[in-house]
């Protein structure tokens, strides 16, 4: 996915976004239902897309230093 990283505006589907974050698709779905996951766009009744920059921002917002764990 390194080539994707060069294009932060690229939008990924749930499967690719889950792989990018190393989580399950079911986890992504639960996050959407609970309003706790990364920002996403709905492009119709069943089409969900995640921008790389939003996935990166989500990771950054959950970073924990070794002293905090």
PDB file of N, CA and C in Angstrom:
ATOM      1  N   UNK A   1       0.805  -1.201   0.000  1.00  0.00           N
ATOM      2  CA  UNK A   1       0.000   0.000   0.000  1.00  0.00           C
ATOM      3  C   UNK A   1       0.846   1.263   0.000  1.00  0.00           C
ATOM      4  N   UNK A   2       2.132   1.138  -0.153  1.00  0.00           N
ATOM      5  CA  UNK A   2       2.976   2.323  -0.108  1.00  0.00           C
ATOM      6  C   UNK A   2       2.630   3.317  -1.209  1.00  0.00           C
ATOM      7  N   UNK A   3       2.195   2.847  -2.375  1.00  0.00           N
ATOM      8  CA  UNK A   3       1.819   3.776  -3.440  1.00  0.00           C
ATOM      9  C   UNK A   3       0.547   4.531  -3.085  1.00  0.00           C
ATOM     10  N   UNK A   4      -0.339   3.920  -2.335  1.00  0.00           N
ATOM     11  CA  UNK A   4      -1.552   4.596  -1.879  1.00  0.00           C
ATOM     12  C   UNK A   4      -1.187   5.732  -0.940  1.00  0.00           C
ATOM     13  N   UNK A   5      -0.212   5.512  -0.091  1.00  0.00           N
ATOM     14  CA  UNK A   5       0.205   6.506   0.891  1.00  0.00           C
ATOM     15  C   UNK A   5       0.626   7.814   0.230  1.00  0.00           C
ATOM     16  N   UNK A   6       1.094   7.758  -0.992  1.00  0.00           N
ATOM     17  CA  UNK A   6       1.518   8.952  -1.697  1.00  0.00           C
ATOM     18  C   UNK A   6       0.339   9.812  -2.133  1.00  0.00           C
ATOM     19  N   UNK A   7      -0.861   9.291  -2.067  1.00  0.00           N
ATOM     20  CA  UNK A   7      -2.067   9.999  -2.499  1.00  0.00           C
ATOM     21  C   UNK A   7      -3.066  10.052  -1.343  1.00  0.00           C
ATOM     22  N   UNK A   8      -2.909  10.983  -0.400  1.00  0.00           N
ATOM     23  CA  UNK A   8      -3.749  11.015   0.789  1.00  0.00           C
ATOM     24  C   UNK A   8      -5.227  11.267   0.525  1.00  0.00           C
ATOM     25  N   UNK A   9      -5.594  11.734  -0.672  1.00  0.00           N
ATOM     26  CA  UNK A   9      -7.003  11.970  -0.965  1.00  0.00           C
ATOM     27  C   UNK A   9      -7.686  10.723  -1.516  1.00  0.00           C
ATOM     28  N   UNK A  10      -6.926   9.655  -1.749  1.00  0.00           N
ATOM     29  CA  UNK A  10      -7.504   8.416  -2.264  1.00  0.00           C
ATOM     30  C   UNK A  10      -8.514   7.889  -1.251  1.00  0.00           C
ATOM     31  N   UNK A  11      -9.651   7.429  -1.750  1.00  0.00           N
ATOM     32  CA  UNK A  11     -10.690   6.887  -0.883  1.00  0.00           C
ATOM     33  C   UNK A  11     -10.705   5.364  -0.997  1.00  0.00           C
ATOM     34  N   UNK A  12     -10.708   4.701   0.158  1.00  0.00           N
ATOM     35  CA  UNK A  12     -10.702   3.245   0.214  1.00  0.00           C
ATOM     36  C   UNK A  12     -12.047   2.730   0.685  1.00  0.00           C
ATOM     37  N   UNK A  13     -12.414   1.560   0.208  1.00  0.00           N
ATOM     38  CA  UNK A  13     -13.595   0.876   0.713  1.00  0.00           C
ATOM     39  C   UNK A  13     -13.302   0.302   2.094  1.00  0.00           C
ATOM     40  N   UNK A  14     -14.315  -0.279   2.712  1.00  0.00           N
ATOM     41  CA  UNK A  14     -14.168  -0.799   4.068  1.00  0.00           C
ATOM     42  C   UNK A  14     -13.095  -1.877   4.165  1.00  0.00           C
ATOM     43  N   UNK A  15     -13.056  -2.799   3.228  1.00  0.00           N
ATOM     44  CA  UNK A  15     -12.075  -3.885   3.275  1.00  0.00           C
ATOM     45  C   UNK A  15     -10.648  -3.338   3.223  1.00  0.00           C
ATOM     46  N   UNK A  16     -10.390  -2.433   2.290  1.00  0.00           N
ATOM     47  CA  UNK A  16      -9.054  -1.857   2.152  1.00  0.00           C
ATOM     48  C   UNK A  16      -8.701  -0.982   3.351  1.00  0.00           C
ATOM     49  N   UNK A  17      -9.668  -0.227   3.858  1.00  0.00           N
ATOM     50  CA  UNK A  17      -9.419   0.615   5.027  1.00  0.00           C
ATOM     51  C   UNK A  17      -9.110  -0.246   6.250  1.00  0.00           C
ATOM     52  N   UNK A  18      -9.834  -1.339   6.406  1.00  0.00           N
ATOM     53  CA  UNK A  18      -9.577  -2.264   7.516  1.00  0.00           C
ATOM     54  C   UNK A  18      -8.174  -2.845   7.397  1.00  0.00           C
ATOM     55  N   UNK A  19      -7.781  -3.218   6.203  1.00  0.00           N
ATOM     56  CA  UNK A  19      -6.433  -3.748   5.988  1.00  0.00           C
ATOM     57  C   UNK A  19      -5.389  -2.676   6.286  1.00  0.00           C
ATOM     58  N   UNK A  20      -5.646  -1.465   5.887  1.00  0.00           N
ATOM     59  CA  UNK A  20      -4.727  -0.351   6.133  1.00  0.00           C
ATOM     60  C   UNK A  20      -4.495  -0.158   7.628  1.00  0.00           C
ATOM     61  N   UNK A  21      -5.571  -0.308   8.423  1.00  0.00           N
ATOM     62  CA  UNK A  21      -5.478  -0.130   9.871  1.00  0.00           C
ATOM     63  C   UNK A  21      -5.152  -1.430  10.610  1.00  0.00           C
ATOM     64  N   UNK A  22      -5.105  -2.544   9.875  1.00  0.00           N
ATOM     65  CA  UNK A  22      -4.863  -3.865  10.471  1.00  0.00           C
ATOM     66  C   UNK A  22      -5.937  -4.236  11.488  1.00  0.00           C
ATOM     67  N   UNK A  23      -7.187  -3.985  11.115  1.00  0.00           N
ATOM     68  CA  UNK A  23      -8.336  -4.375  11.932  1.00  0.00           C
ATOM     69  C   UNK A  23      -9.311  -5.140  11.033  1.00  0.00           C
ATOM     70  N   UNK A  24     -10.345  -5.708  11.634  1.00  0.00           N
ATOM     71  CA  UNK A  24     -11.317  -6.464  10.849  1.00  0.00           C
ATOM     72  C   UNK A  24     -12.358  -5.548  10.215  1.00  0.00           C
ATOM     73  N   UNK A  25     -12.979  -6.040   9.171  1.00  0.00           N
ATOM     74  CA  UNK A  25     -14.084  -5.289   8.552  1.00  0.00           C
ATOM     75  C   UNK A  25     -15.228  -5.141   9.537  1.00  0.00           C
ATOM     76  N   UNK A  26     -15.463  -6.172  10.330  1.00  0.00           N
ATOM     77  CA  UNK A  26     -16.533  -6.114  11.337  1.00  0.00           C
ATOM     78  C   UNK A  26     -16.250  -5.008  12.353  1.00  0.00           C
ATOM     79  N   UNK A  27     -14.985  -4.857  12.707  1.00  0.00           N
ATOM     80  CA  UNK A  27     -14.608  -3.786  13.628  1.00  0.00           C
ATOM     81  C   UNK A  27     -14.879  -2.418  13.031  1.00  0.00           C
ATOM     82  N   UNK A  28     -14.569  -2.267  11.751  1.00  0.00           N
ATOM     83  CA  UNK A  28     -14.852  -1.003  11.063  1.00  0.00           C
ATOM     84  C   UNK A  28     -16.350  -0.723  11.085  1.00  0.00           C
ATOM     85  N   UNK A  29     -17.146  -1.741  10.850  1.00  0.00           N
ATOM     86  CA  UNK A  29     -18.603  -1.584  10.848  1.00  0.00           C
ATOM     87  C   UNK A  29     -19.090  -1.168  12.247  1.00  0.00           C
ATOM     88  N   UNK A  30     -18.572  -1.828  13.283  1.00  0.00           N
ATOM     89  CA  UNK A  30     -18.967  -1.471  14.656  1.00  0.00           C
ATOM     90  C   UNK A  30     -18.599  -0.023  14.972  1.00  0.00           C
ATOM     91  N   UNK A  31     -17.405   0.379  14.547  1.00  0.00           N
ATOM     92  CA  UNK A  31     -17.000   1.764  14.783  1.00  0.00           C
ATOM     93  C   UNK A  31     -17.960   2.735  14.117  1.00  0.00           C
ATOM     94  N   UNK A  32     -18.380   2.422  12.882  1.00  0.00           N
ATOM     95  CA  UNK A  32     -19.328   3.308  12.181  1.00  0.00           C
ATOM     96  C   UNK A  32     -20.644   3.385  12.949  1.00  0.00           C
ATOM     97  N   UNK A  33     -21.132   2.236  13.398  1.00  0.00           N
ATOM     98  CA  UNK A  33     -22.405   2.215  14.122  1.00  0.00           C
ATOM     99  C   UNK A  33     -22.335   2.989  15.425  1.00  0.00           C
ATOM    100  N   UNK A  34     -21.176   2.935  16.078  1.00  0.00           N
ATOM    101  CA  UNK A  34     -21.002   3.602  17.369  1.00  0.00           C
ATOM    102  C   UNK A  34     -20.459   5.021  17.254  1.00  0.00           C
ATOM    103  N   UNK A  35     -20.121   5.450  16.041  1.00  0.00           N
ATOM    104  CA  UNK A  35     -19.575   6.788  15.845  1.00  0.00           C
ATOM    105  C   UNK A  35     -18.200   6.971  16.458  1.00  0.00           C
ATOM    106  N   UNK A  36     -17.398   5.893  16.531  1.00  0.00           N
ATOM    107  CA  UNK A  36     -16.105   5.958  17.197  1.00  0.00           C
ATOM    108  C   UNK A  36     -14.904   5.798  16.267  1.00  0.00           C
ATOM    109  N   UNK A  37     -15.127   5.453  15.060  1.00  0.00           N
ATOM    110  CA  UNK A  37     -14.029   5.165  14.146  1.00  0.00           C
ATOM    111  C   UNK A  37     -13.579   6.369  13.356  1.00  0.00           C
ATOM    112  N   UNK A  38     -12.798   6.107  12.317  1.00  0.00           N
ATOM    113  CA  UNK A  38     -12.320   7.195  11.468  1.00  0.00           C
ATOM    114  C   UNK A  38     -13.456   7.837  10.675  1.00  0.00           C
ATOM    115  N   UNK A  39     -13.250   9.069  10.286  1.00  0.00           N
ATOM    116  CA  UNK A  39     -14.218   9.781   9.460  1.00  0.00           C
ATOM    117  C   UNK A  39     -14.383   9.042   8.136  1.00  0.00           C
ATOM    118  N   UNK A  40     -15.610   8.986   7.637  1.00  0.00           N
ATOM    119  CA  UNK A  40     -15.888   8.307   6.370  1.00  0.00           C
ATOM    120  C   UNK A  40     -16.929   9.080   5.585  1.00  0.00           C
ATOM    121  N   UNK A  41     -17.071   8.724   4.328  1.00  0.00           N
ATOM    122  CA  UNK A  41     -18.088   9.323   3.461  1.00  0.00           C
ATOM    123  C   UNK A  41     -19.049   8.239   3.015  1.00  0.00           C
ATOM    124  N   UNK A  42     -20.320   8.571   2.942  1.00  0.00           N
ATOM    125  CA  UNK A  42     -21.327   7.654   2.412  1.00  0.00           C
ATOM    126  C   UNK A  42     -21.702   8.136   1.025  1.00  0.00           C
ATOM    127  N   UNK A  43     -21.501   7.267   0.053  1.00  0.00           N
ATOM    128  CA  UNK A  43     -21.780   7.621  -1.338  1.00  0.00           C
ATOM    129  C   UNK A  43     -22.946   6.809  -1.863  1.00  0.00           C
ATOM    130  N   UNK A  44     -24.018   6.810  -1.135  1.00  0.00           N
ATOM    131  CA  UNK A  44     -25.177   6.005  -1.491  1.00  0.00           C
ATOM    132  C   UNK A  44     -25.570   5.142  -0.309  1.00  0.00           C
ATOM    133  N   UNK A  45     -26.552   4.290  -0.527  1.00  0.00           N
ATOM    134  CA  UNK A  45     -27.078   3.475   0.563  1.00  0.00           C
ATOM    135  C   UNK A  45     -26.049   2.512   1.148  1.00  0.00           C
ATOM    136  N   UNK A  46     -25.177   1.965   0.306  1.00  0.00           N
ATOM    137  CA  UNK A  46     -24.246   0.940   0.779  1.00  0.00           C
ATOM    138  C   UNK A  46     -22.776   1.229   0.521  1.00  0.00           C
ATOM    139  N   UNK A  47     -22.470   2.362  -0.040  1.00  0.00           N
ATOM    140  CA  UNK A  47     -21.090   2.652  -0.404  1.00  0.00           C
ATOM    141  C   UNK A  47     -20.451   3.580   0.623  1.00  0.00           C
ATOM    142  N   UNK A  48     -19.439   3.054   1.308  1.00  0.00           N
ATOM    143  CA  UNK A  48     -18.698   3.801   2.327  1.00  0.00           C
ATOM    144  C   UNK A  48     -17.255   3.919   1.857  1.00  0.00           C
ATOM    145  N   UNK A  49     -16.668   5.096   1.996  1.00  0.00           N
ATOM    146  CA  UNK A  49     -15.284   5.314   1.596  1.00  0.00           C
ATOM    147  C   UNK A  49     -14.542   6.068   2.702  1.00  0.00           C
ATOM    148  N   UNK A  50     -13.283   5.701   2.870  1.00  0.00           N
ATOM    149  CA  UNK A  50     -12.397   6.314   3.854  1.00  0.00           C
ATOM    150  C   UNK A  50     -11.220   6.950   3.125  1.00  0.00           C
ATOM    151  N   UNK A  51     -10.932   8.214   3.416  1.00  0.00           N
ATOM    152  CA  UNK A  51      -9.756   8.851   2.836  1.00  0.00           C
ATOM    153  C   UNK A  51      -8.524   8.458   3.656  1.00  0.00           C
ATOM    154  N   UNK A  52      -7.412   8.269   2.968  1.00  0.00           N
ATOM    155  CA  UNK A  52      -6.162   7.898   3.628  1.00  0.00           C
ATOM    156  C   UNK A  52      -5.812   8.913   4.719  1.00  0.00           C
ATOM    157  N   UNK A  53      -5.973  10.187   4.430  1.00  0.00           N
ATOM    158  CA  UNK A  53      -5.616  11.203   5.430  1.00  0.00           C
ATOM    159  C   UNK A  53      -6.484  11.081   6.674  1.00  0.00           C
ATOM    160  N   UNK A  54      -7.747  10.656   6.523  1.00  0.00           N
ATOM    161  CA  UNK A  54      -8.608  10.468   7.689  1.00  0.00           C
ATOM    162  C   UNK A  54      -8.199   9.233   8.489  1.00  0.00           C
ATOM    163  N   UNK A  55      -7.766   8.194   7.795  1.00  0.00           N
ATOM    164  CA  UNK A  55      -7.281   6.996   8.487  1.00  0.00           C
ATOM    165  C   UNK A  55      -6.007   7.325   9.259  1.00  0.00           C
ATOM    166  N   UNK A  56      -5.111   8.090   8.636  1.00  0.00           N
ATOM    167  CA  UNK A  56      -3.881   8.498   9.311  1.00  0.00           C
ATOM    168  C   UNK A  56      -4.185   9.381  10.527  1.00  0.00           C
ATOM    169  N   UNK A  57      -5.125  10.293  10.379  1.00  0.00           N
ATOM    170  CA  UNK A  57      -5.506  11.168  11.497  1.00  0.00           C
ATOM    171  C   UNK A  57      -6.104  10.347  12.639  1.00  0.00           C
ATOM    172  N   UNK A  58      -6.889   9.341  12.303  1.00  0.00           N
ATOM    173  CA  UNK A  58      -7.472   8.455  13.316  1.00  0.00           C
ATOM    174  C   UNK A  58      -6.361   7.736  14.079  1.00  0.00           C
ATOM    175  N   UNK A  59      -5.374   7.219  13.361  1.00  0.00           N
ATOM    176  CA  UNK A  59      -4.249   6.552  14.017  1.00  0.00           C
ATOM    177  C   UNK A  59      -3.510   7.514  14.937  1.00  0.00           C
ATOM    178  N   UNK A  60      -3.245   8.716  14.458  1.00  0.00           N
ATOM    179  CA  UNK A  60      -2.539   9.711  15.260  1.00  0.00           C
ATOM    180  C   UNK A  60      -3.316  10.066  16.529  1.00  0.00           C
ATOM    181  N   UNK A  61      -4.634  10.166  16.398  1.00  0.00           N
ATOM    182  CA  UNK A  61      -5.450  10.553  17.555  1.00  0.00           C
ATOM    183  C   UNK A  61      -5.503   9.454  18.616  1.00  0.00           C
ATOM    184  N   UNK A  62      -5.092   8.250  18.259  1.00  0.00           N
ATOM    185  CA  UNK A  62      -5.091   7.138  19.209  1.00  0.00           C
ATOM    186  C   UNK A  62      -3.690   6.700  19.612  1.00  0.00           C
ATOM    187  N   UNK A  63      -2.706   7.518  19.280  1.00  0.00           N
ATOM    188  CA  UNK A  63      -1.340   7.200  19.659  1.00  0.00           C
ATOM    189  C   UNK A  63      -1.166   7.351  21.166  1.00  0.00           C
ATOM    190  N   UNK A  64      -0.453   6.413  21.757  1.00  0.00           N
ATOM    191  CA  UNK A  64      -0.222   6.409  23.201  1.00  0.00           C
ATOM    192  C   UNK A  64       1.279   6.257  23.421  1.00  0.00           C
ATOM    193  N   UNK A  65       1.824   7.096  24.298  1.00  0.00           N
ATOM    194  CA  UNK A  65       3.247   6.943  24.602  1.00  0.00           C
ATOM    195  C   UNK A  65       3.433   5.753  25.534  1.00  0.00           C
ATOM    196  N   UNK A  66       4.612   5.230  25.581  1.00  0.00           N
ATOM    197  CA  UNK A  66       4.877   4.048  26.398  1.00  0.00           C
ATOM    198  C   UNK A  66       4.644   4.318  27.881  1.00  0.00           C
ATOM    199  N   UNK A  67       4.734   5.560  28.302  1.00  0.00           N
ATOM    200  CA  UNK A  67       4.487   5.910  29.706  1.00  0.00           C
ATOM    201  C   UNK A  67       3.008   5.918  30.055  1.00  0.00           C
ATOM    202  N   UNK A  68       2.139   6.092  29.049  1.00  0.00           N
ATOM    203  CA  UNK A  68       0.705   6.158  29.295  1.00  0.00           C
ATOM    204  C   UNK A  68       0.061   4.784  29.345  1.00  0.00           C
ATOM    205  N   UNK A  69       0.675   3.772  28.744  1.00  0.00           N
ATOM    206  CA  UNK A  69       0.050   2.450  28.667  1.00  0.00           C
ATOM    207  C   UNK A  69       0.164   1.779  29.988  1.00  0.00           C
TER     208      UNK A  69
END
